[in-house]
Amino acid sequence: MAKSCEDVSARMMELLYGELPEGERAAIEAHLETDAGGCARCRAELAGLRSARAIARQVLDETPPASAH
């Protein structure tokens, strides 16, 4: 089943975190598929979310600075 950009955008976080049921994930991945002329707008949105998630994870994994006391 074809997905609109609005449908994909609404489910993007679930895709990012691997929380979509198999059929739904497959439909969204088909919408994003580059070889099939997929949606560049939605791919860019997903790339931005992945980048933001990676930065947040990196910051959260850093050792906090020593206390000034």
Protein backbone atom coordinates (compact mmCIF):
# COMPACT_ATOMS: atom_id res chain seq x y z
CA MET A 1 0.00 0.00 0.00
CA ALA A 2 1.42 3.38 -1.02
CA LYS A 3 2.07 5.85 1.76
CA SER A 4 1.81 9.62 1.58
CA CYS A 5 4.51 11.87 2.99
CA GLU A 6 2.13 12.83 5.78
CA ASP A 7 1.59 9.17 6.71
CA VAL A 8 5.32 8.50 6.68
CA SER A 9 6.17 11.61 8.67
CA ALA A 10 3.61 10.70 11.33
CA ARG A 11 5.26 7.29 11.82
CA MET A 12 8.89 8.39 11.42
CA MET A 13 9.84 8.12 15.11
CA GLU A 14 8.40 4.61 15.29
CA LEU A 15 10.48 3.68 12.25
CA LEU A 16 13.58 5.24 13.79
CA TYR A 17 13.16 3.26 17.01
CA GLY A 18 12.16 -0.01 15.32
CA GLU A 19 8.66 0.01 16.78
CA LEU A 20 6.60 -0.48 13.61
CA PRO A 21 4.89 -3.76 12.74
CA GLU A 22 6.55 -5.54 9.79
CA GLY A 23 3.89 -4.66 7.20
CA GLU A 24 3.84 -1.00 8.16
CA ARG A 25 7.64 -0.82 8.18
CA ALA A 26 7.81 -2.39 4.72
CA ALA A 27 5.31 0.12 3.33
CA ILE A 28 7.25 3.07 4.75
CA GLU A 29 10.57 1.69 3.54
CA ALA A 30 9.05 1.32 0.07
CA HIS A 31 8.11 5.01 0.21
CA LEU A 32 11.73 5.85 1.08
CA GLU A 33 13.42 3.42 -1.34
CA THR A 34 15.94 5.29 -3.50
CA ASP A 35 16.11 2.62 -6.24
CA ALA A 36 12.38 2.91 -6.84
CA GLY A 37 12.35 6.70 -7.10
CA GLY A 38 11.39 7.06 -3.45
CA CYS A 39 10.67 10.25 -1.62
CA ALA A 40 13.71 12.48 -1.13
CA ARG A 41 11.83 14.71 1.31
CA CYS A 42 11.04 11.85 3.67
CA ARG A 43 14.54 10.39 3.34
CA ALA A 44 15.96 13.80 4.32
CA GLU A 45 13.61 13.98 7.32
CA LEU A 46 14.68 10.51 8.47
CA ALA A 47 18.36 11.38 7.98
CA GLY A 48 17.91 14.50 10.11
CA LEU A 49 16.24 12.51 12.88
CA ARG A 50 18.97 9.88 12.78
CA SER A 51 21.62 12.59 12.99
CA ALA A 52 19.91 14.31 15.93
CA ARG A 53 19.53 10.96 17.71
CA ALA A 54 23.22 10.16 17.20
CA ILE A 55 24.27 13.56 18.57
CA ALA A 56 22.00 13.19 21.59
CA ARG A 57 23.33 9.70 22.29
CA GLN A 58 26.90 10.95 22.03
CA VAL A 59 26.24 13.80 24.47
CA LEU A 60 24.47 11.47 26.91
CA ASP A 61 27.37 9.01 26.76
CA GLU A 62 29.99 11.67 27.63
CA THR A 63 31.45 11.71 31.10
CA PRO A 64 30.18 14.73 33.02
CA PRO A 65 32.82 17.29 33.96
CA ALA A 66 34.32 17.11 37.44
CA SER A 67 32.52 19.18 40.03
CA ALA A 68 33.95 22.65 40.68
CA HIS A 69 33.67 22.13 44.47
